Amino acid sequence: MKKNFILCILIGLFLCNNMNASKVSHSIPKPTTKMVFKTSLGQFEVGDKDLGAMNWLDARKACMEIGKGWRLPTREELNLIYFNKNKMGVFVKDNYWTDEEGYSFDVAWCQNFDTGDQNSFPKINKNQTRPVRSINQ
């Protein structure tokens, strides 16, 4: 019982710290559309530049601050972007965040733009951020 209480306090402190750390203070550049893709779930457009390396919460917030509909890509979308990266311009050989959380509350999925591997990483890690936006058909 005492261990559960301490665990709850630690989780609460972790979440409070991350909320305060999630204040993105830099100016978010408005992306222009670089490429449009069609998937089984519909169409989406990809921003023309990275927003930089940041933790997962900041990455989600930075995408939303760009404007209506901008967000982190799904795992499927990011994989499609990876296989077309040479047609799209510059991507760093680093991990890029997806919007999908991993096997526990403190991890999320990334794709490595050097190897193509998808893995989950702690949300506090700083990984690259490339925004996408769904296109209504």
C-alpha atoms as a PDB file:
ATOM      1  CA  MET A   1       0.000   0.000   0.000  1.00  0.00           C
ATOM      2  CA  LYS A   2       2.797   2.385   0.928  1.00  0.00           C
ATOM      3  CA  LYS A   3       4.619   1.549  -2.337  1.00  0.00           C
ATOM      4  CA  ASN A   4       1.478   2.359  -4.369  1.00  0.00           C
ATOM      5  CA  PHE A   5       1.120   5.687  -2.577  1.00  0.00           C
ATOM      6  CA  ILE A   6       4.752   6.603  -3.288  1.00  0.00           C
ATOM      7  CA  LEU A   7       4.365   5.495  -6.911  1.00  0.00           C
ATOM      8  CA  CYS A   8       1.289   7.738  -7.298  1.00  0.00           C
ATOM      9  CA  ILE A   9       3.196  10.700  -5.875  1.00  0.00           C
ATOM     10  CA  LEU A  10       6.136  10.084  -8.218  1.00  0.00           C
ATOM     11  CA  ILE A  11       3.849   9.807 -11.236  1.00  0.00           C
ATOM     12  CA  GLY A  12       2.097  13.028 -10.210  1.00  0.00           C
ATOM     13  CA  LEU A  13       5.410  14.854  -9.864  1.00  0.00           C
ATOM     14  CA  PHE A  14       6.568  13.506 -13.229  1.00  0.00           C
ATOM     15  CA  LEU A  15       3.379  14.691 -14.943  1.00  0.00           C
ATOM     16  CA  CYS A  16       3.519  18.130 -13.273  1.00  0.00           C
ATOM     17  CA  ASN A  17       7.136  18.565 -14.312  1.00  0.00           C
ATOM     18  CA  ASN A  18       6.337  17.582 -17.879  1.00  0.00           C
ATOM     19  CA  MET A  19       3.396  19.981 -18.022  1.00  0.00           C
ATOM     20  CA  ASN A  20       5.656  22.834 -16.988  1.00  0.00           C
ATOM     21  CA  ALA A  21       8.395  21.676 -19.358  1.00  0.00           C
ATOM     22  CA  SER A  22       5.873  21.469 -22.180  1.00  0.00           C
ATOM     23  CA  LYS A  23       5.691  25.213 -22.606  1.00  0.00           C
ATOM     24  CA  VAL A  24       7.136  25.672 -26.068  1.00  0.00           C
ATOM     25  CA  SER A  25       8.607  29.134 -26.041  1.00  0.00           C
ATOM     26  CA  HIS A  26      10.127  29.290 -29.503  1.00  0.00           C
ATOM     27  CA  SER A  27       8.318  30.599 -32.539  1.00  0.00           C
ATOM     28  CA  ILE A  28       6.764  27.803 -34.592  1.00  0.00           C
ATOM     29  CA  PRO A  29       7.401  28.288 -38.313  1.00  0.00           C
ATOM     30  CA  LYS A  30       4.363  27.748 -40.521  1.00  0.00           C
ATOM     31  CA  PRO A  31       5.134  24.810 -42.816  1.00  0.00           C
ATOM     32  CA  THR A  32       4.249  24.731 -46.454  1.00  0.00           C
ATOM     33  CA  THR A  33       3.056  21.484 -47.950  1.00  0.00           C
ATOM     34  CA  LYS A  34       5.921  19.405 -49.270  1.00  0.00           C
ATOM     35  CA  MET A  35       4.044  16.339 -50.451  1.00  0.00           C
ATOM     36  CA  VAL A  36       0.571  14.813 -50.305  1.00  0.00           C
ATOM     37  CA  PHE A  37       0.084  11.091 -49.597  1.00  0.00           C
ATOM     38  CA  LYS A  38      -2.895   8.760 -49.852  1.00  0.00           C
ATOM     39  CA  THR A  39      -3.290   5.982 -47.283  1.00  0.00           C
ATOM     40  CA  SER A  40      -6.011   3.529 -46.379  1.00  0.00           C
ATOM     41  CA  LEU A  41      -7.237   6.135 -43.893  1.00  0.00           C
ATOM     42  CA  GLY A  42      -7.324   9.058 -46.334  1.00  0.00           C
ATOM     43  CA  GLN A  43      -4.948  11.757 -47.537  1.00  0.00           C
ATOM     44  CA  PHE A  44      -2.440  13.789 -45.570  1.00  0.00           C
ATOM     45  CA  GLU A  45       0.085  16.489 -46.310  1.00  0.00           C
ATOM     46  CA  VAL A  46       3.582  16.767 -44.882  1.00  0.00           C
ATOM     47  CA  GLY A  47       5.227  19.968 -43.682  1.00  0.00           C
ATOM     48  CA  ASP A  48       8.334  21.038 -45.590  1.00  0.00           C
ATOM     49  CA  LYS A  49      10.620  21.283 -42.551  1.00  0.00           C
ATOM     50  CA  ASP A  50      11.314  19.809 -39.151  1.00  0.00           C
ATOM     51  CA  LEU A  51      10.270  21.687 -36.046  1.00  0.00           C
ATOM     52  CA  GLY A  52      13.408  20.503 -34.254  1.00  0.00           C
ATOM     53  CA  ALA A  53      14.286  18.007 -31.550  1.00  0.00           C
ATOM     54  CA  MET A  54      12.023  18.072 -28.494  1.00  0.00           C
ATOM     55  CA  ASN A  55      10.275  15.762 -26.069  1.00  0.00           C
ATOM     56  CA  TRP A  56       7.004  14.119 -27.115  1.00  0.00           C
ATOM     57  CA  LEU A  57       4.666  16.485 -25.252  1.00  0.00           C
ATOM     58  CA  ASP A  58       6.427  19.542 -26.686  1.00  0.00           C
ATOM     59  CA  ALA A  59       6.341  17.952 -30.158  1.00  0.00           C
ATOM     60  CA  ARG A  60       2.575  17.432 -29.970  1.00  0.00           C
ATOM     61  CA  LYS A  61       2.061  20.964 -28.710  1.00  0.00           C
ATOM     62  CA  ALA A  62       4.366  22.489 -31.349  1.00  0.00           C
ATOM     63  CA  CYS A  63       2.421  20.778 -34.139  1.00  0.00           C
ATOM     64  CA  MET A  64      -0.918  22.014 -32.780  1.00  0.00           C
ATOM     65  CA  GLU A  65       0.426  25.568 -32.422  1.00  0.00           C
ATOM     66  CA  ILE A  66       1.167  25.730 -36.157  1.00  0.00           C
ATOM     67  CA  GLY A  67      -2.515  25.898 -36.915  1.00  0.00           C
ATOM     68  CA  LYS A  68      -5.695  23.982 -37.507  1.00  0.00           C
ATOM     69  CA  GLY A  69      -5.187  20.286 -38.170  1.00  0.00           C
ATOM     70  CA  TRP A  70      -1.385  20.085 -37.848  1.00  0.00           C
ATOM     71  CA  ARG A  71      -0.259  17.125 -35.735  1.00  0.00           C
ATOM     72  CA  LEU A  72       2.325  14.386 -35.321  1.00  0.00           C
ATOM     73  CA  PRO A  73       2.050  11.606 -37.918  1.00  0.00           C
ATOM     74  CA  THR A  74       0.766   8.120 -37.189  1.00  0.00           C
ATOM     75  CA  ARG A  75       3.202   5.212 -37.425  1.00  0.00           C
ATOM     76  CA  GLU A  76       1.793   4.305 -40.856  1.00  0.00           C
ATOM     77  CA  GLU A  77       2.109   7.887 -42.112  1.00  0.00           C
ATOM     78  CA  LEU A  78       5.661   8.291 -40.815  1.00  0.00           C
ATOM     79  CA  ASN A  79       6.692   5.023 -42.452  1.00  0.00           C
ATOM     80  CA  LEU A  80       5.305   6.273 -45.782  1.00  0.00           C
ATOM     81  CA  ILE A  81       7.223   9.535 -45.325  1.00  0.00           C
ATOM     82  CA  TYR A  82      10.407   7.577 -44.545  1.00  0.00           C
ATOM     83  CA  PHE A  83      10.183   5.562 -47.780  1.00  0.00           C
ATOM     84  CA  ASN A  84       9.673   8.791 -49.766  1.00  0.00           C
ATOM     85  CA  LYS A  85      12.151  10.983 -47.860  1.00  0.00           C
ATOM     86  CA  ASN A  86      14.505  11.380 -50.842  1.00  0.00           C
ATOM     87  CA  LYS A  87      11.706  13.023 -52.852  1.00  0.00           C
ATOM     88  CA  MET A  88      10.937  15.448 -50.043  1.00  0.00           C
ATOM     89  CA  GLY A  89      14.153  17.186 -49.123  1.00  0.00           C
ATOM     90  CA  VAL A  90      16.134  17.204 -45.928  1.00  0.00           C
ATOM     91  CA  PHE A  91      15.568  14.781 -43.057  1.00  0.00           C
ATOM     92  CA  VAL A  92      18.183  14.238 -40.384  1.00  0.00           C
ATOM     93  CA  LYS A  93      19.386  10.714 -39.640  1.00  0.00           C
ATOM     94  CA  ASP A  94      17.605  10.656 -36.303  1.00  0.00           C
ATOM     95  CA  ASN A  95      14.402   9.433 -34.664  1.00  0.00           C
ATOM     96  CA  TYR A  96      11.130  11.204 -35.513  1.00  0.00           C
ATOM     97  CA  TRP A  97       8.133  11.159 -33.176  1.00  0.00           C
ATOM     98  CA  THR A  98       4.773   9.638 -34.077  1.00  0.00           C
ATOM     99  CA  ASP A  99       1.532  10.474 -32.298  1.00  0.00           C
ATOM    100  CA  GLU A 100       1.174   6.903 -31.033  1.00  0.00           C
ATOM    101  CA  GLU A 101       1.925   6.037 -27.449  1.00  0.00           C
ATOM    102  CA  GLY A 102       3.835   2.861 -26.680  1.00  0.00           C
ATOM    103  CA  TYR A 103       3.254  -0.021 -24.307  1.00  0.00           C
ATOM    104  CA  SER A 104       3.135   2.270 -21.243  1.00  0.00           C
ATOM    105  CA  PHE A 105       2.129   5.868 -20.517  1.00  0.00           C
ATOM    106  CA  ASP A 106       5.700   7.161 -20.547  1.00  0.00           C
ATOM    107  CA  VAL A 107       6.798   5.993 -24.016  1.00  0.00           C
ATOM    108  CA  ALA A 108       5.796   6.782 -27.617  1.00  0.00           C
ATOM    109  CA  TRP A 109       6.720   5.393 -31.023  1.00  0.00           C
ATOM    110  CA  CYS A 110       9.442   6.843 -33.228  1.00  0.00           C
ATOM    111  CA  GLN A 111      10.913   6.008 -36.606  1.00  0.00           C
ATOM    112  CA  ASN A 112      14.631   6.188 -37.238  1.00  0.00           C
ATOM    113  CA  PHE A 113      15.273   8.044 -40.504  1.00  0.00           C
ATOM    114  CA  ASP A 114      18.647   6.366 -40.953  1.00  0.00           C
ATOM    115  CA  THR A 115      17.628   2.705 -40.587  1.00  0.00           C
ATOM    116  CA  GLY A 116      13.833   2.843 -40.999  1.00  0.00           C
ATOM    117  CA  ASP A 117      13.291   0.984 -37.714  1.00  0.00           C
ATOM    118  CA  GLN A 118      10.295   1.863 -35.553  1.00  0.00           C
ATOM    119  CA  ASN A 119      10.736   1.641 -31.777  1.00  0.00           C
ATOM    120  CA  SER A 120       9.230   3.154 -28.669  1.00  0.00           C
ATOM    121  CA  PHE A 121      11.248   5.619 -26.597  1.00  0.00           C
ATOM    122  CA  PRO A 122      10.660   7.525 -23.355  1.00  0.00           C
ATOM    123  CA  LYS A 123       8.559  10.625 -24.008  1.00  0.00           C
ATOM    124  CA  ILE A 124      11.169  12.737 -22.228  1.00  0.00           C
ATOM    125  CA  ASN A 125      13.743  11.971 -24.980  1.00  0.00           C
ATOM    126  CA  LYS A 126      14.357  14.684 -27.529  1.00  0.00           C
ATOM    127  CA  ASN A 127      13.559  13.463 -31.034  1.00  0.00           C
ATOM    128  CA  GLN A 128      12.838  15.217 -34.321  1.00  0.00           C
ATOM    129  CA  THR A 129       9.372  16.535 -35.137  1.00  0.00           C
ATOM    130  CA  ARG A 130       7.815  16.726 -38.618  1.00  0.00           C
ATOM    131  CA  PRO A 131       4.185  17.906 -38.741  1.00  0.00           C
ATOM    132  CA  VAL A 132       1.438  16.486 -40.936  1.00  0.00           C
ATOM    133  CA  ARG A 133      -2.176  17.455 -41.596  1.00  0.00           C
ATOM    134  CA  SER A 134      -5.108  15.369 -42.815  1.00  0.00           C
ATOM    135  CA  ILE A 135      -6.825  16.481 -45.997  1.00  0.00           C
ATOM    136  CA  ASN A 136     -10.593  16.235 -46.060  1.00  0.00           C
ATOM    137  CA  GLN A 137     -11.879  14.556 -49.179  1.00  0.00           C
END
